[in-house]
């Protein structure tokens, strides 16, 4: 079945793990930390920020923001 938001490169298998991270976050009410930028060209595969936005999954771009939110300081 084709995904509504294709992410996996069919030739390299790249981004397979991303789909599991997003599914786990969605199914458990979590957010995702990803410094990845959204896709620029609509003909390319979706990226983590694109799918998080489409599925309304909270995403933090910088790990430092997460650390601050949960009270971790360095």
PDB file of N, CA and C in Angstrom:
ATOM      1  N   UNK A   1       0.841  -1.179   0.000  1.00  0.00           N
ATOM      2  CA  UNK A   1       0.000   0.000   0.000  1.00  0.00           C
ATOM      3  C   UNK A   1       0.880   1.234   0.000  1.00  0.00           C
ATOM      4  N   UNK A   2       0.570   2.182  -0.861  1.00  0.00           N
ATOM      5  CA  UNK A   2       1.327   3.433  -0.905  1.00  0.00           C
ATOM      6  C   UNK A   2       0.952   4.304   0.276  1.00  0.00           C
ATOM      7  N   UNK A   3       1.951   4.942   0.818  1.00  0.00           N
ATOM      8  CA  UNK A   3       1.733   5.848   1.941  1.00  0.00           C
ATOM      9  C   UNK A   3       1.223   7.190   1.426  1.00  0.00           C
ATOM     10  N   UNK A   4       0.412   7.819   2.227  1.00  0.00           N
ATOM     11  CA  UNK A   4      -0.065   9.162   1.893  1.00  0.00           C
ATOM     12  C   UNK A   4       1.102  10.150   1.934  1.00  0.00           C
ATOM     13  N   UNK A   5       2.101   9.838   2.756  1.00  0.00           N
ATOM     14  CA  UNK A   5       3.276  10.700   2.906  1.00  0.00           C
ATOM     15  C   UNK A   5       4.533   9.859   2.668  1.00  0.00           C
ATOM     16  N   UNK A   6       4.882   9.562   1.425  1.00  0.00           N
ATOM     17  CA  UNK A   6       6.048   8.706   1.163  1.00  0.00           C
ATOM     18  C   UNK A   6       7.340   9.330   1.672  1.00  0.00           C
ATOM     19  N   UNK A   7       8.096   8.526   2.448  1.00  0.00           N
ATOM     20  CA  UNK A   7       9.338   9.001   3.050  1.00  0.00           C
ATOM     21  C   UNK A   7      10.541   8.141   2.697  1.00  0.00           C
ATOM     22  N   UNK A   8      10.318   6.875   2.376  1.00  0.00           N
ATOM     23  CA  UNK A   8      11.416   5.926   2.216  1.00  0.00           C
ATOM     24  C   UNK A   8      11.913   5.904   0.774  1.00  0.00           C
ATOM     25  N   UNK A   9      13.206   6.079   0.618  1.00  0.00           N
ATOM     26  CA  UNK A   9      13.835   5.987  -0.700  1.00  0.00           C
ATOM     27  C   UNK A   9      13.846   4.517  -1.113  1.00  0.00           C
ATOM     28  N   UNK A  10      13.172   4.195  -2.193  1.00  0.00           N
ATOM     29  CA  UNK A  10      13.028   2.803  -2.643  1.00  0.00           C
ATOM     30  C   UNK A  10      14.364   2.166  -2.997  1.00  0.00           C
ATOM     31  N   UNK A  11      15.326   2.953  -3.458  1.00  0.00           N
ATOM     32  CA  UNK A  11      16.620   2.402  -3.858  1.00  0.00           C
ATOM     33  C   UNK A  11      17.545   2.141  -2.675  1.00  0.00           C
ATOM     34  N   UNK A  12      17.583   3.064  -1.734  1.00  0.00           N
ATOM     35  CA  UNK A  12      18.535   2.945  -0.624  1.00  0.00           C
ATOM     36  C   UNK A  12      17.904   2.442   0.677  1.00  0.00           C
ATOM     37  N   UNK A  13      16.570   2.549   0.773  1.00  0.00           N
ATOM     38  CA  UNK A  13      15.901   2.201   2.023  1.00  0.00           C
ATOM     39  C   UNK A  13      16.056   3.286   3.070  1.00  0.00           C
ATOM     40  N   UNK A  14      16.662   4.377   2.685  1.00  0.00           N
ATOM     41  CA  UNK A  14      16.919   5.481   3.606  1.00  0.00           C
ATOM     42  C   UNK A  14      15.614   6.041   4.171  1.00  0.00           C
ATOM     43  N   UNK A  15      15.624   6.431   5.407  1.00  0.00           N
ATOM     44  CA  UNK A  15      14.509   7.022   6.156  1.00  0.00           C
ATOM     45  C   UNK A  15      13.517   5.991   6.678  1.00  0.00           C
ATOM     46  N   UNK A  16      13.843   4.707   6.603  1.00  0.00           N
ATOM     47  CA  UNK A  16      12.948   3.682   7.136  1.00  0.00           C
ATOM     48  C   UNK A  16      12.683   3.916   8.616  1.00  0.00           C
ATOM     49  N   UNK A  17      13.718   4.225   9.372  1.00  0.00           N
ATOM     50  CA  UNK A  17      13.570   4.444  10.808  1.00  0.00           C
ATOM     51  C   UNK A  17      12.683   5.642  11.109  1.00  0.00           C
ATOM     52  N   UNK A  18      12.732   6.663  10.272  1.00  0.00           N
ATOM     53  CA  UNK A  18      11.903   7.856  10.483  1.00  0.00           C
ATOM     54  C   UNK A  18      10.425   7.492  10.576  1.00  0.00           C
ATOM     55  N   UNK A  19       9.987   6.565   9.748  1.00  0.00           N
ATOM     56  CA  UNK A  19       8.572   6.192   9.764  1.00  0.00           C
ATOM     57  C   UNK A  19       8.187   5.547  11.092  1.00  0.00           C
ATOM     58  N   UNK A  20       9.093   4.752  11.669  1.00  0.00           N
ATOM     59  CA  UNK A  20       8.820   4.120  12.967  1.00  0.00           C
ATOM     60  C   UNK A  20       8.794   5.159  14.088  1.00  0.00           C
ATOM     61  N   UNK A  21       9.692   6.117  14.027  1.00  0.00           N
ATOM     62  CA  UNK A  21       9.725   7.184  15.035  1.00  0.00           C
ATOM     63  C   UNK A  21       8.427   7.970  15.009  1.00  0.00           C
ATOM     64  N   UNK A  22       7.987   8.329  13.821  1.00  0.00           N
ATOM     65  CA  UNK A  22       6.752   9.109  13.686  1.00  0.00           C
ATOM     66  C   UNK A  22       5.542   8.284  14.129  1.00  0.00           C
ATOM     67  N   UNK A  23       5.474   7.025  13.725  1.00  0.00           N
ATOM     68  CA  UNK A  23       4.347   6.172  14.119  1.00  0.00           C
ATOM     69  C   UNK A  23       4.309   5.987  15.634  1.00  0.00           C
ATOM     70  N   UNK A  24       5.468   5.776  16.244  1.00  0.00           N
ATOM     71  CA  UNK A  24       5.530   5.600  17.701  1.00  0.00           C
ATOM     72  C   UNK A  24       5.076   6.878  18.413  1.00  0.00           C
ATOM     73  N   UNK A  25       5.539   8.012  17.931  1.00  0.00           N
ATOM     74  CA  UNK A  25       5.132   9.288  18.531  1.00  0.00           C
ATOM     75  C   UNK A  25       3.620   9.482  18.399  1.00  0.00           C
ATOM     76  N   UNK A  26       3.096   9.233  17.218  1.00  0.00           N
ATOM     77  CA  UNK A  26       1.649   9.410  16.987  1.00  0.00           C
ATOM     78  C   UNK A  26       0.840   8.470  17.874  1.00  0.00           C
ATOM     79  N   UNK A  27       1.220   7.207  17.916  1.00  0.00           N
ATOM     80  CA  UNK A  27       0.448   6.215  18.656  1.00  0.00           C
ATOM     81  C   UNK A  27       0.512   6.398  20.171  1.00  0.00           C
ATOM     82  N   UNK A  28       1.548   7.083  20.655  1.00  0.00           N
ATOM     83  CA  UNK A  28       1.728   7.250  22.099  1.00  0.00           C
ATOM     84  C   UNK A  28       1.577   8.683  22.592  1.00  0.00           C
ATOM     85  N   UNK A  29       1.197   9.590  21.688  1.00  0.00           N
ATOM     86  CA  UNK A  29       0.991  10.980  22.087  1.00  0.00           C
ATOM     87  C   UNK A  29       2.277  11.724  22.390  1.00  0.00           C
ATOM     88  N   UNK A  30       3.378  11.304  21.759  1.00  0.00           N
ATOM     89  CA  UNK A  30       4.669  11.957  21.961  1.00  0.00           C
ATOM     90  C   UNK A  30       4.922  12.980  20.868  1.00  0.00           C
ATOM     91  N   UNK A  31       5.967  13.765  21.072  1.00  0.00           N
ATOM     92  CA  UNK A  31       6.476  14.647  20.043  1.00  0.00           C
ATOM     93  C   UNK A  31       7.769  14.073  19.497  1.00  0.00           C
ATOM     94  N   UNK A  32       8.343  14.764  18.534  1.00  0.00           N
ATOM     95  CA  UNK A  32       9.573  14.321  17.882  1.00  0.00           C
ATOM     96  C   UNK A  32      10.585  15.454  17.915  1.00  0.00           C
ATOM     97  N   UNK A  33      11.837  15.109  18.183  1.00  0.00           N
ATOM     98  CA  UNK A  33      12.931  16.073  18.068  1.00  0.00           C
ATOM     99  C   UNK A  33      13.642  15.772  16.762  1.00  0.00           C
ATOM    100  N   UNK A  34      13.692  16.768  15.882  1.00  0.00           N
ATOM    101  CA  UNK A  34      14.363  16.589  14.595  1.00  0.00           C
ATOM    102  C   UNK A  34      14.854  17.930  14.095  1.00  0.00           C
ATOM    103  N   UNK A  35      16.137  17.975  13.776  1.00  0.00           N
ATOM    104  CA  UNK A  35      16.741  19.186  13.230  1.00  0.00           C
ATOM    105  C   UNK A  35      16.597  19.241  11.704  1.00  0.00           C
ATOM    106  N   UNK A  36      15.941  18.234  11.137  1.00  0.00           N
ATOM    107  CA  UNK A  36      15.760  18.155   9.693  1.00  0.00           C
ATOM    108  C   UNK A  36      14.867  19.302   9.206  1.00  0.00           C
ATOM    109  N   UNK A  37      15.181  19.828   8.041  1.00  0.00           N
ATOM    110  CA  UNK A  37      14.376  20.882   7.422  1.00  0.00           C
ATOM    111  C   UNK A  37      13.264  20.263   6.586  1.00  0.00           C
ATOM    112  N   UNK A  38      12.136  20.963   6.448  1.00  0.00           N
ATOM    113  CA  UNK A  38      11.070  20.442   5.584  1.00  0.00           C
ATOM    114  C   UNK A  38      11.556  20.335   4.136  1.00  0.00           C
ATOM    115  N   UNK A  39      10.860  19.522   3.361  1.00  0.00           N
ATOM    116  CA  UNK A  39      11.236  19.388   1.953  1.00  0.00           C
ATOM    117  C   UNK A  39      10.977  20.703   1.227  1.00  0.00           C
ATOM    118  N   UNK A  40      11.757  20.960   0.223  1.00  0.00           N
ATOM    119  CA  UNK A  40      11.630  22.197  -0.551  1.00  0.00           C
ATOM    120  C   UNK A  40      10.858  21.938  -1.840  1.00  0.00           C
ATOM    121  N   UNK A  41      11.107  20.804  -2.435  1.00  0.00           N
ATOM    122  CA  UNK A  41      10.526  20.459  -3.723  1.00  0.00           C
ATOM    123  C   UNK A  41       9.406  19.440  -3.517  1.00  0.00           C
ATOM    124  N   UNK A  42       8.197  19.769  -3.937  1.00  0.00           N
ATOM    125  CA  UNK A  42       7.054  18.877  -3.734  1.00  0.00           C
ATOM    126  C   UNK A  42       7.185  17.531  -4.430  1.00  0.00           C
ATOM    127  N   UNK A  43       8.114  17.404  -5.361  1.00  0.00           N
ATOM    128  CA  UNK A  43       8.281  16.126  -6.052  1.00  0.00           C
ATOM    129  C   UNK A  43       9.166  15.167  -5.259  1.00  0.00           C
ATOM    130  N   UNK A  44       9.788  15.651  -4.204  1.00  0.00           N
ATOM    131  CA  UNK A  44      10.678  14.817  -3.395  1.00  0.00           C
ATOM    132  C   UNK A  44       9.915  14.135  -2.270  1.00  0.00           C
ATOM    133  N   UNK A  45      10.586  13.184  -1.631  1.00  0.00           N
ATOM    134  CA  UNK A  45       9.989  12.460  -0.515  1.00  0.00           C
ATOM    135  C   UNK A  45       9.715  13.388   0.661  1.00  0.00           C
ATOM    136  N   UNK A  46       8.710  13.035   1.436  1.00  0.00           N
ATOM    137  CA  UNK A  46       8.399  13.801   2.636  1.00  0.00           C
ATOM    138  C   UNK A  46       9.505  13.611   3.658  1.00  0.00           C
ATOM    139  N   UNK A  47       9.675  14.600   4.520  1.00  0.00           N
ATOM    140  CA  UNK A  47      10.652  14.547   5.599  1.00  0.00           C
ATOM    141  C   UNK A  47       9.911  14.601   6.930  1.00  0.00           C
ATOM    142  N   UNK A  48      10.635  14.350   7.995  1.00  0.00           N
ATOM    143  CA  UNK A  48      10.030  14.328   9.333  1.00  0.00           C
ATOM    144  C   UNK A  48       9.182  15.572   9.609  1.00  0.00           C
ATOM    145  N   UNK A  49       9.677  16.788   9.372  1.00  0.00           N
ATOM    146  CA  UNK A  49       8.850  17.959   9.678  1.00  0.00           C
ATOM    147  C   UNK A  49       7.544  18.004   8.884  1.00  0.00           C
ATOM    148  N   UNK A  50       7.589  17.548   7.639  1.00  0.00           N
ATOM    149  CA  UNK A  50       6.391  17.550   6.800  1.00  0.00           C
ATOM    150  C   UNK A  50       5.319  16.617   7.360  1.00  0.00           C
ATOM    151  N   UNK A  51       5.726  15.414   7.725  1.00  0.00           N
ATOM    152  CA  UNK A  51       4.774  14.421   8.213  1.00  0.00           C
ATOM    153  C   UNK A  51       4.278  14.802   9.604  1.00  0.00           C
ATOM    154  N   UNK A  52       5.166  15.304  10.453  1.00  0.00           N
ATOM    155  CA  UNK A  52       4.737  15.755  11.785  1.00  0.00           C
ATOM    156  C   UNK A  52       3.681  16.851  11.667  1.00  0.00           C
ATOM    157  N   UNK A  53       3.907  17.777  10.778  1.00  0.00           N
ATOM    158  CA  UNK A  53       2.932  18.859  10.592  1.00  0.00           C
ATOM    159  C   UNK A  53       1.606  18.305  10.077  1.00  0.00           C
ATOM    160  N   UNK A  54       1.664  17.433   9.082  1.00  0.00           N
ATOM    161  CA  UNK A  54       0.447  16.875   8.490  1.00  0.00           C
ATOM    162  C   UNK A  54      -0.354  16.060   9.504  1.00  0.00           C
ATOM    163  N   UNK A  55       0.342  15.336  10.376  1.00  0.00           N
ATOM    164  CA  UNK A  55      -0.329  14.482  11.360  1.00  0.00           C
ATOM    165  C   UNK A  55      -0.527  15.166  12.714  1.00  0.00           C
ATOM    166  N   UNK A  56      -0.152  16.436  12.790  1.00  0.00           N
ATOM    167  CA  UNK A  56      -0.316  17.222  14.022  1.00  0.00           C
ATOM    168  C   UNK A  56       0.480  16.628  15.190  1.00  0.00           C
ATOM    169  N   UNK A  57       1.683  16.161  14.889  1.00  0.00           N
ATOM    170  CA  UNK A  57       2.592  15.641  15.909  1.00  0.00           C
ATOM    171  C   UNK A  57       3.530  16.774  16.303  1.00  0.00           C
ATOM    172  N   UNK A  58       3.607  17.116  17.582  1.00  0.00           N
ATOM    173  CA  UNK A  58       4.519  18.191  17.986  1.00  0.00           C
ATOM    174  C   UNK A  58       5.956  17.853  17.596  1.00  0.00           C
ATOM    175  N   UNK A  59       6.673  18.880  17.111  1.00  0.00           N
ATOM    176  CA  UNK A  59       8.078  18.677  16.735  1.00  0.00           C
ATOM    177  C   UNK A  59       8.902  19.805  17.298  1.00  0.00           C
ATOM    178  N   UNK A  60      10.006  19.444  17.923  1.00  0.00           N
ATOM    179  CA  UNK A  60      10.983  20.412  18.408  1.00  0.00           C
ATOM    180  C   UNK A  60      12.189  20.292  17.503  1.00  0.00           C
ATOM    181  N   UNK A  61      12.682  21.419  17.026  1.00  0.00           N
ATOM    182  CA  UNK A  61      13.793  21.386  16.087  1.00  0.00           C
ATOM    183  C   UNK A  61      15.146  21.221  16.782  1.00  0.00           C
ATOM    184  N   UNK A  62      15.311  21.810  17.932  1.00  0.00           N
ATOM    185  CA  UNK A  62      16.603  21.771  18.631  1.00  0.00           C
ATOM    186  C   UNK A  62      16.488  21.003  19.938  1.00  0.00           C
ATOM    187  N   UNK A  63      17.387  20.066  20.157  1.00  0.00           N
ATOM    188  CA  UNK A  63      17.379  19.273  21.381  1.00  0.00           C
ATOM    189  C   UNK A  63      17.498  20.164  22.613  1.00  0.00           C
ATOM    190  N   UNK A  64      18.217  21.277  22.484  1.00  0.00           N
ATOM    191  CA  UNK A  64      18.402  22.187  23.621  1.00  0.00           C
ATOM    192  C   UNK A  64      17.058  22.707  24.130  1.00  0.00           C
ATOM    193  N   UNK A  65      16.106  22.925  23.232  1.00  0.00           N
ATOM    194  CA  UNK A  65      14.771  23.395  23.622  1.00  0.00           C
ATOM    195  C   UNK A  65      14.086  22.319  24.463  1.00  0.00           C
ATOM    196  N   UNK A  66      14.211  21.075  24.051  1.00  0.00           N
ATOM    197  CA  UNK A  66      13.640  19.965  24.812  1.00  0.00           C
ATOM    198  C   UNK A  66      14.267  19.885  26.196  1.00  0.00           C
ATOM    199  N   UNK A  67      15.590  19.948  26.245  1.00  0.00           N
ATOM    200  CA  UNK A  67      16.274  19.878  27.536  1.00  0.00           C
ATOM    201  C   UNK A  67      15.771  20.962  28.485  1.00  0.00           C
ATOM    202  N   UNK A  68      15.628  22.160  27.969  1.00  0.00           N
ATOM    203  CA  UNK A  68      15.167  23.278  28.791  1.00  0.00           C
ATOM    204  C   UNK A  68      13.738  23.022  29.281  1.00  0.00           C
ATOM    205  N   UNK A  69      12.878  22.503  28.402  1.00  0.00           N
ATOM    206  CA  UNK A  69      11.482  22.241  28.774  1.00  0.00           C
ATOM    207  C   UNK A  69      11.349  21.197  29.868  1.00  0.00           C
ATOM    208  N   UNK A  70      12.261  20.243  29.896  1.00  0.00           N
ATOM    209  CA  UNK A  70      12.171  19.191  30.922  1.00  0.00           C
ATOM    210  C   UNK A  70      13.094  19.454  32.096  1.00  0.00           C
ATOM    211  N   UNK A  71      13.760  20.606  32.109  1.00  0.00           N
ATOM    212  CA  UNK A  71      14.553  21.010  33.260  1.00  0.00           C
ATOM    213  C   UNK A  71      15.998  20.513  33.274  1.00  0.00           C
ATOM    214  N   UNK A  72      16.509  20.078  32.141  1.00  0.00           N
ATOM    215  CA  UNK A  72      17.904  19.641  32.088  1.00  0.00           C
ATOM    216  C   UNK A  72      18.782  20.830  31.735  1.00  0.00           C
ATOM    217  N   UNK A  73      19.802  21.072  32.556  1.00  0.00           N
ATOM    218  CA  UNK A  73      20.724  22.170  32.271  1.00  0.00           C
ATOM    219  C   UNK A  73      22.148  21.633  32.205  1.00  0.00           C
ATOM    220  N   UNK A  74      22.968  22.330  31.485  1.00  0.00           N
ATOM    221  CA  UNK A  74      24.370  21.941  31.343  1.00  0.00           C
ATOM    222  C   UNK A  74      25.262  23.020  31.898  1.00  0.00           C
TER     223      UNK A  74
END
